[in-house]
Amino acid sequence: MENAPVTPAPDDKDWTWVLDRPCPDCGFDAAAVERGELAALTRHAVAGLQSAVLADEAAVRPADDVWSPLEYGCHVRDVCVIFGTRLSLMRGTTNPTFANWDQDKTALENEYWTQDPATVAAELGIEGERIADAFADVRDDEWDRPGVRSNGSTFTVDTLGRYFLHDLRHHLHDVGAAAQ
C-alpha cells in the first residue's frame, strides 16, 4: 500500500438506532423523511459530497485519524453501490440476507487516499443517481419488503432508505458541507 495513512479506529457501532431517534451529531431525523423524498434527498446529499470532493485540499485529512473529504467521497460512492445492491435484492428476493461489508477494509484495499477527486466525484454522481432512481421506482407494495443484515438487523425497503440517507447526510456533516 502506497503511503497508507493512519487507519481510523474501526466504526463497529450499530447505527440502526438512527431509525428511532434523531442523530445528535448530524441532526438527521429519519422519522421526518417521507418515502417520496428519498430520491431527491439522495441527489441533494450526493451533490454536496461531490462539491466537497472537488474542493481545494479535498485529499487533506483534518486529523491523522479522520478521513479526508476525498476518502468520505470514495466511501459514499461505495455505500451507494452496496445499498443499491441491497435494495435490488429486497425488491427481487424474499427476505434476503445481505453479505457483510467491511468498509474499513474496502478503504484500505482501494486506497481511497490515492484516488483522483474528479473521477471520484463523477463516479459518486453516477452511483448516487442510480440509487436515487431505484428509490424513485419503488412501488407502493414494495416498501415493506424485508431484508436482513449479516448482524441480524432487519430492514424494510422503507427503513433501508432512511438508514442509507442518514449515512449520506452524516458524511456531509463529517466533511462540513451543508445538507439543507
N, C-alpha and C. Protein backbone atom coordinates (compact mmCIF):
# COMPACT_ATOMS: atom_id res chain seq x y z
N MET A 1 0.82 -1.18 0.00
CA MET A 1 0.00 0.00 0.00
C MET A 1 0.87 1.25 0.00
N GLU A 2 0.59 2.10 -0.93
CA GLU A 2 1.36 3.32 -1.13
C GLU A 2 1.09 4.33 -0.02
N ASN A 3 2.08 4.57 0.83
CA ASN A 3 1.99 5.57 1.89
C ASN A 3 0.64 5.57 2.60
N ALA A 4 0.24 4.41 3.08
CA ALA A 4 -1.05 4.30 3.76
C ALA A 4 -1.09 5.23 4.96
N PRO A 5 -2.14 6.03 5.07
CA PRO A 5 -2.28 6.93 6.22
C PRO A 5 -2.66 6.14 7.47
N VAL A 6 -2.69 6.83 8.58
CA VAL A 6 -3.13 6.22 9.84
C VAL A 6 -4.55 5.70 9.62
N THR A 7 -4.78 4.48 10.04
CA THR A 7 -6.10 3.90 9.90
C THR A 7 -6.98 4.35 11.07
N PRO A 8 -8.11 5.02 10.77
CA PRO A 8 -9.02 5.39 11.84
C PRO A 8 -9.51 4.16 12.59
N ALA A 9 -9.91 4.34 13.83
CA ALA A 9 -10.47 3.23 14.60
C ALA A 9 -11.69 2.69 13.86
N PRO A 10 -11.84 1.38 13.78
CA PRO A 10 -13.00 0.81 13.08
C PRO A 10 -14.30 1.30 13.72
N ASP A 11 -15.26 1.60 12.87
CA ASP A 11 -16.58 2.00 13.36
C ASP A 11 -17.42 0.75 13.49
N ASP A 12 -17.48 0.22 14.69
CA ASP A 12 -18.22 -1.02 14.91
C ASP A 12 -19.55 -0.78 15.61
N LYS A 13 -20.02 0.48 15.61
CA LYS A 13 -21.31 0.80 16.21
C LYS A 13 -22.44 0.26 15.34
N ASP A 14 -23.52 -0.10 15.97
CA ASP A 14 -24.73 -0.46 15.25
C ASP A 14 -25.57 0.82 15.14
N TRP A 15 -25.53 1.44 13.98
CA TRP A 15 -26.17 2.74 13.77
C TRP A 15 -27.67 2.64 13.51
N THR A 16 -28.27 1.46 13.64
CA THR A 16 -29.70 1.34 13.34
C THR A 16 -30.56 2.16 14.29
N TRP A 17 -30.03 2.61 15.41
CA TRP A 17 -30.79 3.45 16.34
C TRP A 17 -31.23 4.76 15.67
N VAL A 18 -30.55 5.17 14.57
CA VAL A 18 -30.95 6.42 13.91
C VAL A 18 -32.33 6.31 13.28
N LEU A 19 -32.86 5.11 13.18
CA LEU A 19 -34.22 4.95 12.68
C LEU A 19 -35.25 5.30 13.74
N ASP A 20 -34.83 5.31 15.00
CA ASP A 20 -35.75 5.56 16.11
C ASP A 20 -35.66 6.94 16.73
N ARG A 21 -34.51 7.60 16.54
CA ARG A 21 -34.34 8.94 17.14
C ARG A 21 -33.34 9.73 16.30
N PRO A 22 -33.44 11.05 16.37
CA PRO A 22 -32.53 11.89 15.58
C PRO A 22 -31.06 11.67 15.97
N CYS A 23 -30.19 11.82 15.00
CA CYS A 23 -28.75 11.70 15.25
C CYS A 23 -28.25 12.97 15.91
N PRO A 24 -27.66 12.87 17.09
CA PRO A 24 -27.20 14.08 17.77
C PRO A 24 -26.00 14.74 17.09
N ASP A 25 -25.28 14.00 16.26
CA ASP A 25 -24.11 14.56 15.58
C ASP A 25 -24.50 15.39 14.36
N CYS A 26 -25.30 14.79 13.47
CA CYS A 26 -25.62 15.47 12.21
C CYS A 26 -27.02 16.06 12.17
N GLY A 27 -27.87 15.70 13.13
CA GLY A 27 -29.22 16.24 13.20
C GLY A 27 -30.23 15.51 12.33
N PHE A 28 -29.83 14.48 11.60
CA PHE A 28 -30.75 13.76 10.73
C PHE A 28 -31.84 13.09 11.55
N ASP A 29 -33.09 13.25 11.10
CA ASP A 29 -34.25 12.65 11.77
C ASP A 29 -34.97 11.76 10.75
N ALA A 30 -34.73 10.46 10.83
CA ALA A 30 -35.30 9.51 9.87
C ALA A 30 -36.81 9.57 9.84
N ALA A 31 -37.44 9.82 11.00
CA ALA A 31 -38.90 9.84 11.06
C ALA A 31 -39.49 11.01 10.28
N ALA A 32 -38.69 12.04 10.04
CA ALA A 32 -39.18 13.22 9.32
C ALA A 32 -39.09 13.07 7.81
N VAL A 33 -38.50 11.98 7.33
CA VAL A 33 -38.32 11.78 5.90
C VAL A 33 -39.51 11.01 5.33
N GLU A 34 -40.10 11.56 4.29
CA GLU A 34 -41.18 10.87 3.58
C GLU A 34 -40.56 9.96 2.52
N ARG A 35 -41.17 8.82 2.30
CA ARG A 35 -40.66 7.87 1.30
C ARG A 35 -40.43 8.54 -0.05
N GLY A 36 -41.35 9.35 -0.44
CA GLY A 36 -41.28 10.00 -1.74
C GLY A 36 -40.14 11.00 -1.86
N GLU A 37 -39.51 11.35 -0.75
CA GLU A 37 -38.40 12.30 -0.76
C GLU A 37 -37.04 11.64 -0.88
N LEU A 38 -36.97 10.33 -0.74
CA LEU A 38 -35.67 9.65 -0.71
C LEU A 38 -34.82 9.94 -1.94
N ALA A 39 -35.41 9.90 -3.11
CA ALA A 39 -34.63 10.11 -4.33
C ALA A 39 -34.07 11.54 -4.38
N ALA A 40 -34.90 12.53 -4.14
CA ALA A 40 -34.45 13.92 -4.20
C ALA A 40 -33.43 14.22 -3.11
N LEU A 41 -33.65 13.70 -1.91
CA LEU A 41 -32.71 13.94 -0.81
C LEU A 41 -31.38 13.24 -1.07
N THR A 42 -31.43 12.08 -1.71
CA THR A 42 -30.19 11.40 -2.09
C THR A 42 -29.41 12.24 -3.08
N ARG A 43 -30.09 12.72 -4.10
CA ARG A 43 -29.43 13.56 -5.12
C ARG A 43 -28.82 14.81 -4.49
N HIS A 44 -29.53 15.42 -3.58
CA HIS A 44 -29.04 16.64 -2.93
C HIS A 44 -27.78 16.34 -2.09
N ALA A 45 -27.83 15.26 -1.32
CA ALA A 45 -26.67 14.90 -0.49
C ALA A 45 -25.47 14.55 -1.37
N VAL A 46 -25.69 13.81 -2.43
CA VAL A 46 -24.59 13.44 -3.33
C VAL A 46 -23.97 14.70 -3.94
N ALA A 47 -24.78 15.66 -4.35
CA ALA A 47 -24.25 16.90 -4.92
C ALA A 47 -23.36 17.63 -3.92
N GLY A 48 -23.78 17.66 -2.65
CA GLY A 48 -22.96 18.28 -1.62
C GLY A 48 -21.64 17.56 -1.42
N LEU A 49 -21.69 16.25 -1.44
CA LEU A 49 -20.46 15.47 -1.29
C LEU A 49 -19.55 15.61 -2.51
N GLN A 50 -20.14 15.70 -3.69
CA GLN A 50 -19.32 15.92 -4.88
C GLN A 50 -18.57 17.25 -4.77
N SER A 51 -19.25 18.27 -4.31
CA SER A 51 -18.60 19.58 -4.13
C SER A 51 -17.44 19.48 -3.15
N ALA A 52 -17.65 18.75 -2.06
CA ALA A 52 -16.58 18.58 -1.06
C ALA A 52 -15.39 17.84 -1.65
N VAL A 53 -15.66 16.84 -2.47
CA VAL A 53 -14.59 16.04 -3.09
C VAL A 53 -13.78 16.89 -4.07
N LEU A 54 -14.44 17.83 -4.73
CA LEU A 54 -13.77 18.66 -5.73
C LEU A 54 -13.14 19.93 -5.17
N ALA A 55 -13.35 20.19 -3.89
CA ALA A 55 -12.80 21.40 -3.27
C ALA A 55 -11.28 21.32 -3.15
N ASP A 56 -10.65 22.48 -3.10
CA ASP A 56 -9.21 22.51 -2.85
C ASP A 56 -8.91 21.77 -1.56
N GLU A 57 -7.84 21.05 -1.54
CA GLU A 57 -7.38 20.33 -0.35
C GLU A 57 -8.31 19.19 0.07
N ALA A 58 -9.12 18.69 -0.86
CA ALA A 58 -10.06 17.61 -0.53
C ALA A 58 -9.36 16.33 -0.08
N ALA A 59 -8.11 16.17 -0.46
CA ALA A 59 -7.37 14.96 -0.08
C ALA A 59 -6.66 15.11 1.25
N VAL A 60 -6.78 16.27 1.88
CA VAL A 60 -6.09 16.52 3.15
C VAL A 60 -7.00 16.11 4.30
N ARG A 61 -6.45 15.30 5.18
CA ARG A 61 -7.20 14.89 6.37
C ARG A 61 -7.19 16.01 7.42
N PRO A 62 -8.33 16.25 8.07
CA PRO A 62 -8.37 17.26 9.13
C PRO A 62 -7.59 16.83 10.38
N ALA A 63 -7.41 15.55 10.55
CA ALA A 63 -6.60 14.97 11.63
C ALA A 63 -6.08 13.64 11.09
N ASP A 64 -4.99 13.16 11.66
CA ASP A 64 -4.37 11.94 11.16
C ASP A 64 -5.33 10.75 11.10
N ASP A 65 -6.24 10.67 12.07
CA ASP A 65 -7.13 9.52 12.14
C ASP A 65 -8.56 9.83 11.69
N VAL A 66 -8.72 10.88 10.87
CA VAL A 66 -10.04 11.24 10.34
C VAL A 66 -9.93 11.30 8.82
N TRP A 67 -10.86 10.66 8.14
CA TRP A 67 -10.85 10.66 6.68
C TRP A 67 -10.93 12.06 6.11
N SER A 68 -10.33 12.23 4.96
CA SER A 68 -10.43 13.47 4.19
C SER A 68 -11.76 13.49 3.45
N PRO A 69 -12.18 14.66 2.93
CA PRO A 69 -13.39 14.67 2.10
C PRO A 69 -13.29 13.71 0.91
N LEU A 70 -12.10 13.57 0.33
CA LEU A 70 -11.92 12.61 -0.77
C LEU A 70 -12.23 11.20 -0.30
N GLU A 71 -11.70 10.81 0.85
CA GLU A 71 -11.94 9.46 1.37
C GLU A 71 -13.42 9.25 1.69
N TYR A 72 -14.06 10.27 2.26
CA TYR A 72 -15.50 10.16 2.51
C TYR A 72 -16.26 10.03 1.19
N GLY A 73 -15.83 10.75 0.17
CA GLY A 73 -16.47 10.64 -1.13
C GLY A 73 -16.36 9.24 -1.70
N CYS A 74 -15.19 8.63 -1.58
CA CYS A 74 -15.00 7.24 -2.02
C CYS A 74 -15.93 6.31 -1.24
N HIS A 75 -15.98 6.52 0.06
CA HIS A 75 -16.83 5.69 0.91
C HIS A 75 -18.29 5.80 0.50
N VAL A 76 -18.77 7.02 0.32
CA VAL A 76 -20.18 7.21 -0.03
C VAL A 76 -20.48 6.65 -1.42
N ARG A 77 -19.56 6.77 -2.34
CA ARG A 77 -19.73 6.14 -3.66
C ARG A 77 -19.97 4.64 -3.46
N ASP A 78 -19.13 4.02 -2.62
CA ASP A 78 -19.26 2.59 -2.38
C ASP A 78 -20.51 2.25 -1.58
N VAL A 79 -20.92 3.13 -0.67
CA VAL A 79 -22.18 2.95 0.06
C VAL A 79 -23.35 2.92 -0.92
N CYS A 80 -23.32 3.81 -1.90
CA CYS A 80 -24.39 3.83 -2.91
C CYS A 80 -24.46 2.50 -3.66
N VAL A 81 -23.31 1.93 -3.98
CA VAL A 81 -23.28 0.65 -4.68
C VAL A 81 -23.83 -0.47 -3.78
N ILE A 82 -23.33 -0.54 -2.55
CA ILE A 82 -23.74 -1.59 -1.62
C ILE A 82 -25.24 -1.52 -1.34
N PHE A 83 -25.72 -0.31 -1.04
CA PHE A 83 -27.14 -0.17 -0.72
C PHE A 83 -28.01 -0.36 -1.96
N GLY A 84 -27.51 0.01 -3.13
CA GLY A 84 -28.24 -0.26 -4.36
C GLY A 84 -28.42 -1.76 -4.58
N THR A 85 -27.37 -2.51 -4.29
CA THR A 85 -27.44 -3.98 -4.40
C THR A 85 -28.44 -4.52 -3.38
N ARG A 86 -28.39 -4.02 -2.16
CA ARG A 86 -29.31 -4.48 -1.13
C ARG A 86 -30.75 -4.15 -1.48
N LEU A 87 -30.98 -2.95 -2.00
CA LEU A 87 -32.33 -2.56 -2.40
C LEU A 87 -32.83 -3.48 -3.51
N SER A 88 -32.00 -3.77 -4.47
CA SER A 88 -32.38 -4.66 -5.56
C SER A 88 -32.72 -6.06 -5.03
N LEU A 89 -31.91 -6.56 -4.11
CA LEU A 89 -32.20 -7.87 -3.50
C LEU A 89 -33.54 -7.87 -2.78
N MET A 90 -33.81 -6.80 -2.04
CA MET A 90 -35.07 -6.73 -1.29
C MET A 90 -36.27 -6.68 -2.22
N ARG A 91 -36.11 -6.01 -3.34
CA ARG A 91 -37.23 -5.89 -4.28
C ARG A 91 -37.43 -7.17 -5.09
N GLY A 92 -36.38 -7.97 -5.27
CA GLY A 92 -36.48 -9.13 -6.14
C GLY A 92 -36.35 -10.48 -5.47
N THR A 93 -36.10 -10.49 -4.16
CA THR A 93 -35.88 -11.74 -3.43
C THR A 93 -36.71 -11.71 -2.15
N THR A 94 -37.18 -12.86 -1.72
CA THR A 94 -37.93 -12.92 -0.47
C THR A 94 -36.97 -12.96 0.72
N ASN A 95 -37.04 -11.94 1.54
CA ASN A 95 -36.28 -11.84 2.80
C ASN A 95 -34.79 -12.19 2.65
N PRO A 96 -34.07 -11.48 1.79
CA PRO A 96 -32.65 -11.80 1.60
C PRO A 96 -31.82 -11.44 2.82
N THR A 97 -30.69 -12.11 2.96
CA THR A 97 -29.68 -11.76 3.96
C THR A 97 -28.53 -11.10 3.20
N PHE A 98 -28.11 -9.95 3.66
CA PHE A 98 -27.06 -9.20 2.98
C PHE A 98 -25.69 -9.71 3.40
N ALA A 99 -24.80 -9.78 2.44
CA ALA A 99 -23.41 -10.13 2.75
C ALA A 99 -22.81 -9.04 3.61
N ASN A 100 -21.89 -9.43 4.48
CA ASN A 100 -21.20 -8.45 5.31
C ASN A 100 -20.32 -7.57 4.43
N TRP A 101 -20.20 -6.30 4.81
CA TRP A 101 -19.32 -5.37 4.10
C TRP A 101 -18.44 -4.68 5.13
N ASP A 102 -17.15 -4.84 5.00
CA ASP A 102 -16.19 -4.19 5.88
C ASP A 102 -15.71 -2.92 5.21
N GLN A 103 -16.30 -1.80 5.60
CA GLN A 103 -16.00 -0.52 4.97
C GLN A 103 -14.55 -0.10 5.18
N ASP A 104 -13.98 -0.43 6.32
CA ASP A 104 -12.60 -0.05 6.60
C ASP A 104 -11.63 -0.85 5.73
N LYS A 105 -11.90 -2.14 5.57
CA LYS A 105 -11.07 -2.98 4.71
C LYS A 105 -11.15 -2.49 3.26
N THR A 106 -12.36 -2.12 2.83
CA THR A 106 -12.54 -1.60 1.47
C THR A 106 -11.73 -0.33 1.27
N ALA A 107 -11.74 0.56 2.25
CA ALA A 107 -11.00 1.82 2.15
C ALA A 107 -9.50 1.57 1.98
N LEU A 108 -8.99 0.61 2.72
CA LEU A 108 -7.56 0.30 2.63
C LEU A 108 -7.23 -0.42 1.32
N GLU A 109 -8.02 -1.42 0.98
CA GLU A 109 -7.76 -2.19 -0.25
C GLU A 109 -7.82 -1.31 -1.49
N ASN A 110 -8.75 -0.36 -1.50
CA ASN A 110 -8.92 0.51 -2.67
C ASN A 110 -8.14 1.82 -2.55
N GLU A 111 -7.36 1.94 -1.49
CA GLU A 111 -6.51 3.11 -1.28
C GLU A 111 -7.25 4.41 -1.58
N TYR A 112 -8.30 4.63 -0.84
CA TYR A 112 -9.14 5.82 -1.04
C TYR A 112 -8.32 7.10 -1.14
N TRP A 113 -7.29 7.22 -0.33
CA TRP A 113 -6.49 8.44 -0.25
C TRP A 113 -5.71 8.74 -1.53
N THR A 114 -5.60 7.75 -2.43
CA THR A 114 -4.84 7.94 -3.67
C THR A 114 -5.74 8.22 -4.87
N GLN A 115 -7.04 8.16 -4.70
CA GLN A 115 -7.93 8.26 -5.84
C GLN A 115 -8.05 9.70 -6.35
N ASP A 116 -8.34 9.83 -7.62
CA ASP A 116 -8.46 11.13 -8.27
C ASP A 116 -9.81 11.78 -7.93
N PRO A 117 -9.79 13.00 -7.36
CA PRO A 117 -11.04 13.65 -6.97
C PRO A 117 -12.06 13.79 -8.10
N ALA A 118 -11.63 14.15 -9.29
CA ALA A 118 -12.57 14.31 -10.40
C ALA A 118 -13.24 12.98 -10.75
N THR A 119 -12.46 11.92 -10.74
CA THR A 119 -13.01 10.59 -11.03
C THR A 119 -13.98 10.18 -9.94
N VAL A 120 -13.60 10.40 -8.68
CA VAL A 120 -14.48 10.03 -7.57
C VAL A 120 -15.78 10.81 -7.63
N ALA A 121 -15.70 12.11 -7.90
CA ALA A 121 -16.91 12.94 -7.98
C ALA A 121 -17.83 12.44 -9.10
N ALA A 122 -17.25 12.07 -10.24
CA ALA A 122 -18.06 11.56 -11.35
C ALA A 122 -18.70 10.22 -10.98
N GLU A 123 -17.92 9.32 -10.40
CA GLU A 123 -18.46 8.01 -10.01
C GLU A 123 -19.51 8.15 -8.92
N LEU A 124 -19.29 9.07 -8.00
CA LEU A 124 -20.27 9.33 -6.95
C LEU A 124 -21.58 9.82 -7.56
N GLY A 125 -21.48 10.67 -8.57
CA GLY A 125 -22.68 11.15 -9.26
C GLY A 125 -23.43 10.02 -9.95
N ILE A 126 -22.70 9.15 -10.61
CA ILE A 126 -23.32 8.02 -11.32
C ILE A 126 -24.01 7.09 -10.34
N GLU A 127 -23.29 6.70 -9.29
CA GLU A 127 -23.87 5.74 -8.32
C GLU A 127 -24.99 6.38 -7.51
N GLY A 128 -24.84 7.66 -7.18
CA GLY A 128 -25.90 8.36 -6.46
C GLY A 128 -27.17 8.45 -7.28
N GLU A 129 -27.02 8.75 -8.56
CA GLU A 129 -28.18 8.82 -9.45
C GLU A 129 -28.82 7.45 -9.61
N ARG A 130 -27.99 6.41 -9.71
CA ARG A 130 -28.51 5.05 -9.87
C ARG A 130 -29.39 4.66 -8.68
N ILE A 131 -28.91 4.91 -7.46
CA ILE A 131 -29.72 4.52 -6.31
C ILE A 131 -30.90 5.47 -6.10
N ALA A 132 -30.74 6.73 -6.42
CA ALA A 132 -31.87 7.66 -6.34
C ALA A 132 -32.99 7.19 -7.27
N ASP A 133 -32.62 6.83 -8.49
CA ASP A 133 -33.61 6.30 -9.44
C ASP A 133 -34.27 5.03 -8.91
N ALA A 134 -33.48 4.17 -8.28
CA ALA A 134 -34.03 2.92 -7.74
C ALA A 134 -35.05 3.21 -6.64
N PHE A 135 -34.75 4.17 -5.77
CA PHE A 135 -35.73 4.52 -4.73
C PHE A 135 -36.96 5.18 -5.34
N ALA A 136 -36.78 5.97 -6.37
CA ALA A 136 -37.92 6.60 -7.04
C ALA A 136 -38.82 5.56 -7.71
N ASP A 137 -38.26 4.42 -8.09
CA ASP A 137 -39.02 3.37 -8.78
C ASP A 137 -39.71 2.37 -7.84
N VAL A 138 -39.47 2.48 -6.53
CA VAL A 138 -40.09 1.53 -5.60
C VAL A 138 -41.62 1.69 -5.66
N ARG A 139 -42.29 0.58 -5.86
CA ARG A 139 -43.76 0.57 -5.90
C ARG A 139 -44.33 0.58 -4.48
N ASP A 140 -45.54 1.03 -4.34
CA ASP A 140 -46.20 1.09 -3.03
C ASP A 140 -46.18 -0.26 -2.32
N ASP A 141 -46.35 -1.35 -3.06
CA ASP A 141 -46.41 -2.67 -2.44
C ASP A 141 -45.03 -3.24 -2.08
N GLU A 142 -43.95 -2.49 -2.35
CA GLU A 142 -42.60 -2.97 -2.06
C GLU A 142 -41.98 -2.35 -0.80
N TRP A 143 -42.53 -1.27 -0.29
CA TRP A 143 -41.89 -0.54 0.81
C TRP A 143 -41.72 -1.37 2.07
N ASP A 144 -42.57 -2.36 2.28
CA ASP A 144 -42.48 -3.18 3.50
C ASP A 144 -41.75 -4.51 3.29
N ARG A 145 -41.18 -4.72 2.10
CA ARG A 145 -40.42 -5.95 1.86
C ARG A 145 -39.20 -5.97 2.77
N PRO A 146 -38.91 -7.11 3.41
CA PRO A 146 -37.81 -7.18 4.38
C PRO A 146 -36.48 -7.66 3.78
N GLY A 147 -35.44 -7.38 4.53
CA GLY A 147 -34.10 -7.88 4.27
C GLY A 147 -33.34 -7.87 5.58
N VAL A 148 -32.35 -8.73 5.71
CA VAL A 148 -31.63 -8.88 6.98
C VAL A 148 -30.14 -8.64 6.76
N ARG A 149 -29.56 -7.78 7.59
CA ARG A 149 -28.12 -7.55 7.55
C ARG A 149 -27.42 -8.71 8.24
N SER A 150 -26.16 -8.92 7.94
CA SER A 150 -25.42 -10.07 8.45
C SER A 150 -25.37 -10.11 9.98
N ASN A 151 -25.56 -8.96 10.64
CA ASN A 151 -25.56 -8.94 12.11
C ASN A 151 -26.95 -9.21 12.69
N GLY A 152 -27.92 -9.48 11.83
CA GLY A 152 -29.27 -9.79 12.29
C GLY A 152 -30.23 -8.62 12.26
N SER A 153 -29.77 -7.41 11.99
CA SER A 153 -30.68 -6.26 11.90
C SER A 153 -31.60 -6.43 10.71
N THR A 154 -32.90 -6.27 10.96
CA THR A 154 -33.89 -6.41 9.91
C THR A 154 -34.31 -5.04 9.42
N PHE A 155 -34.40 -4.90 8.11
CA PHE A 155 -34.84 -3.67 7.47
C PHE A 155 -36.03 -3.97 6.59
N THR A 156 -36.80 -2.92 6.31
CA THR A 156 -37.75 -2.95 5.20
C THR A 156 -37.14 -2.05 4.13
N VAL A 157 -37.69 -2.05 2.95
CA VAL A 157 -37.20 -1.13 1.92
C VAL A 157 -37.26 0.30 2.44
N ASP A 158 -38.34 0.62 3.15
CA ASP A 158 -38.51 1.95 3.72
C ASP A 158 -37.40 2.28 4.72
N THR A 159 -37.16 1.41 5.69
CA THR A 159 -36.14 1.72 6.70
C THR A 159 -34.73 1.66 6.12
N LEU A 160 -34.51 0.80 5.12
CA LEU A 160 -33.21 0.78 4.45
C LEU A 160 -32.94 2.14 3.80
N GLY A 161 -33.95 2.70 3.17
CA GLY A 161 -33.80 4.01 2.54
C GLY A 161 -33.47 5.10 3.53
N ARG A 162 -34.14 5.10 4.66
CA ARG A 162 -33.89 6.12 5.69
C ARG A 162 -32.50 5.93 6.31
N TYR A 163 -32.13 4.69 6.55
CA TYR A 163 -30.81 4.37 7.11
C TYR A 163 -29.71 4.79 6.14
N PHE A 164 -29.90 4.48 4.86
CA PHE A 164 -28.97 4.88 3.81
C PHE A 164 -28.84 6.41 3.75
N LEU A 165 -29.96 7.10 3.78
CA LEU A 165 -29.92 8.56 3.70
C LEU A 165 -29.19 9.15 4.89
N HIS A 166 -29.35 8.55 6.07
CA HIS A 166 -28.58 9.03 7.22
C HIS A 166 -27.09 8.95 6.95
N ASP A 167 -26.64 7.86 6.36
CA ASP A 167 -25.22 7.70 6.07
C ASP A 167 -24.72 8.87 5.22
N LEU A 168 -25.46 9.20 4.17
CA LEU A 168 -25.07 10.31 3.30
C LEU A 168 -25.06 11.63 4.06
N ARG A 169 -26.15 11.90 4.77
CA ARG A 169 -26.26 13.17 5.49
C ARG A 169 -25.20 13.27 6.59
N HIS A 170 -24.90 12.16 7.25
CA HIS A 170 -23.89 12.17 8.31
C HIS A 170 -22.52 12.49 7.72
N HIS A 171 -22.22 11.95 6.57
CA HIS A 171 -20.92 12.22 5.96
C HIS A 171 -20.85 13.63 5.38
N LEU A 172 -21.97 14.21 4.98
CA LEU A 172 -21.98 15.63 4.65
C LEU A 172 -21.56 16.44 5.87
N HIS A 173 -22.10 16.06 7.00
CA HIS A 173 -21.73 16.71 8.26
C HIS A 173 -20.25 16.50 8.55
N ASP A 174 -19.75 15.29 8.34
CA ASP A 174 -18.35 14.99 8.59
C ASP A 174 -17.39 15.87 7.80
N VAL A 175 -17.77 16.18 6.55
CA VAL A 175 -16.89 16.99 5.71
C VAL A 175 -17.20 18.48 5.81
N GLY A 176 -18.17 18.82 6.63
CA GLY A 176 -18.50 20.23 6.85
C GLY A 176 -19.32 20.84 5.74
N ALA A 177 -19.98 20.02 4.92
CA ALA A 177 -20.82 20.52 3.83
C ALA A 177 -22.24 20.71 4.34
N ALA A 178 -22.94 21.64 3.73
CA ALA A 178 -24.31 21.93 4.11
C ALA A 178 -25.24 20.86 3.58
N ALA A 179 -26.18 20.43 4.40
CA ALA A 179 -27.16 19.42 3.98
C ALA A 179 -28.49 20.02 3.59
N GLN A 180 -28.78 21.20 4.03
CA GLN A 180 -30.09 21.86 3.83
C GLN A 180 -31.13 20.93 3.35
